[in-house]
């Protein structure tokens, strides 16, 4: 049960950096370290940016549905 909770939290919380890293071409681990250090250095400003990105991706996923093939129409 605890492992399932951990997996769901990681999938939802770290999905922002994973999607951003795959689009830009930056390794996700380096992007996560950058966000952690910059959040501590700027007293939480990057955490607010992260929450804003998570919210916009959540809204985007609500309105745009991806179909895996043309036969799923």
C-alpha atoms as a PDB file:
ATOM      1  CA  UNK A   1       0.000   0.000   0.000  1.00  0.00           C
ATOM      2  CA  UNK A   2       2.794   2.402   0.889  1.00  0.00           C
ATOM      3  CA  UNK A   3       4.667   1.572  -2.310  1.00  0.00           C
ATOM      4  CA  UNK A   4       1.514   2.215  -4.346  1.00  0.00           C
ATOM      5  CA  UNK A   5       1.084   5.615  -2.669  1.00  0.00           C
ATOM      6  CA  UNK A   6       4.714   6.482  -3.363  1.00  0.00           C
ATOM      7  CA  UNK A   7       4.366   5.491  -7.021  1.00  0.00           C
ATOM      8  CA  UNK A   8       1.228   7.607  -7.486  1.00  0.00           C
ATOM      9  CA  UNK A   9       2.803  10.635  -5.801  1.00  0.00           C
ATOM     10  CA  UNK A  10       5.953  10.414  -7.914  1.00  0.00           C
ATOM     11  CA  UNK A  11       3.958  10.002 -11.113  1.00  0.00           C
ATOM     12  CA  UNK A  12       1.776  13.039 -10.415  1.00  0.00           C
ATOM     13  CA  UNK A  13       4.286  15.375  -8.757  1.00  0.00           C
ATOM     14  CA  UNK A  14       7.317  14.725 -10.914  1.00  0.00           C
ATOM     15  CA  UNK A  15       5.377  14.538 -14.165  1.00  0.00           C
ATOM     16  CA  UNK A  16       5.903  18.249 -14.776  1.00  0.00           C
ATOM     17  CA  UNK A  17       9.676  18.002 -14.907  1.00  0.00           C
ATOM     18  CA  UNK A  18       9.565  14.757 -16.862  1.00  0.00           C
ATOM     19  CA  UNK A  19       7.419  16.283 -19.581  1.00  0.00           C
ATOM     20  CA  UNK A  20       9.443  19.484 -19.632  1.00  0.00           C
ATOM     21  CA  UNK A  21      12.745  17.595 -19.783  1.00  0.00           C
ATOM     22  CA  UNK A  22      11.617  15.359 -22.603  1.00  0.00           C
ATOM     23  CA  UNK A  23      10.488  18.326 -24.709  1.00  0.00           C
ATOM     24  CA  UNK A  24      13.657  20.344 -24.142  1.00  0.00           C
ATOM     25  CA  UNK A  25      16.060  17.392 -24.168  1.00  0.00           C
ATOM     26  CA  UNK A  26      17.500  17.857 -20.677  1.00  0.00           C
ATOM     27  CA  UNK A  27      17.956  14.841 -18.372  1.00  0.00           C
ATOM     28  CA  UNK A  28      15.182  14.789 -15.796  1.00  0.00           C
ATOM     29  CA  UNK A  29      17.503  14.181 -12.846  1.00  0.00           C
ATOM     30  CA  UNK A  30      19.492  17.348 -13.595  1.00  0.00           C
ATOM     31  CA  UNK A  31      16.284  19.316 -14.006  1.00  0.00           C
ATOM     32  CA  UNK A  32      14.993  18.104 -10.627  1.00  0.00           C
ATOM     33  CA  UNK A  33      18.258  19.018  -8.888  1.00  0.00           C
ATOM     34  CA  UNK A  34      18.138  22.472 -10.497  1.00  0.00           C
ATOM     35  CA  UNK A  35      14.586  23.063  -9.254  1.00  0.00           C
ATOM     36  CA  UNK A  36      15.406  21.877  -5.737  1.00  0.00           C
ATOM     37  CA  UNK A  37      18.491  24.082  -5.394  1.00  0.00           C
ATOM     38  CA  UNK A  38      16.869  27.089  -7.012  1.00  0.00           C
ATOM     39  CA  UNK A  39      13.832  26.771  -4.748  1.00  0.00           C
ATOM     40  CA  UNK A  40      16.027  26.913  -1.645  1.00  0.00           C
ATOM     41  CA  UNK A  41      18.146  29.735  -3.066  1.00  0.00           C
ATOM     42  CA  UNK A  42      15.198  31.957  -3.995  1.00  0.00           C
ATOM     43  CA  UNK A  43      13.023  31.229  -0.941  1.00  0.00           C
ATOM     44  CA  UNK A  44      10.350  29.309  -2.808  1.00  0.00           C
ATOM     45  CA  UNK A  45       9.893  31.286  -6.021  1.00  0.00           C
ATOM     46  CA  UNK A  46      10.692  28.287  -8.216  1.00  0.00           C
ATOM     47  CA  UNK A  47       8.228  26.178  -6.230  1.00  0.00           C
ATOM     48  CA  UNK A  48       5.496  28.617  -7.249  1.00  0.00           C
ATOM     49  CA  UNK A  49       6.661  28.342 -10.866  1.00  0.00           C
ATOM     50  CA  UNK A  50       6.524  24.557 -10.548  1.00  0.00           C
ATOM     51  CA  UNK A  51       2.970  24.703  -9.205  1.00  0.00           C
ATOM     52  CA  UNK A  52       1.994  27.007 -12.070  1.00  0.00           C
ATOM     53  CA  UNK A  53       3.437  24.576 -14.610  1.00  0.00           C
ATOM     54  CA  UNK A  54       1.656  21.669 -12.947  1.00  0.00           C
ATOM     55  CA  UNK A  55      -1.644  23.535 -13.061  1.00  0.00           C
ATOM     56  CA  UNK A  56      -1.297  24.450 -16.742  1.00  0.00           C
ATOM     57  CA  UNK A  57      -0.390  20.864 -17.679  1.00  0.00           C
ATOM     58  CA  UNK A  58      -3.378  19.623 -15.682  1.00  0.00           C
ATOM     59  CA  UNK A  59      -5.710  22.004 -17.525  1.00  0.00           C
ATOM     60  CA  UNK A  60      -4.150  21.039 -20.865  1.00  0.00           C
ATOM     61  CA  UNK A  61      -4.624  17.330 -20.162  1.00  0.00           C
ATOM     62  CA  UNK A  62      -8.265  17.902 -19.303  1.00  0.00           C
ATOM     63  CA  UNK A  63      -9.051  19.474 -22.668  1.00  0.00           C
ATOM     64  CA  UNK A  64      -6.724  17.587 -24.993  1.00  0.00           C
ATOM     65  CA  UNK A  65      -7.211  13.837 -25.222  1.00  0.00           C
ATOM     66  CA  UNK A  66      -4.580  11.808 -26.982  1.00  0.00           C
ATOM     67  CA  UNK A  67      -5.636   8.865 -29.075  1.00  0.00           C
ATOM     68  CA  UNK A  68      -3.010   6.169 -29.664  1.00  0.00           C
ATOM     69  CA  UNK A  69      -4.184   5.334 -33.194  1.00  0.00           C
ATOM     70  CA  UNK A  70      -6.701   6.326 -35.848  1.00  0.00           C
ATOM     71  CA  UNK A  71      -8.804   3.251 -35.123  1.00  0.00           C
ATOM     72  CA  UNK A  72      -9.781   4.648 -31.690  1.00  0.00           C
ATOM     73  CA  UNK A  73     -12.042   7.329 -33.160  1.00  0.00           C
END
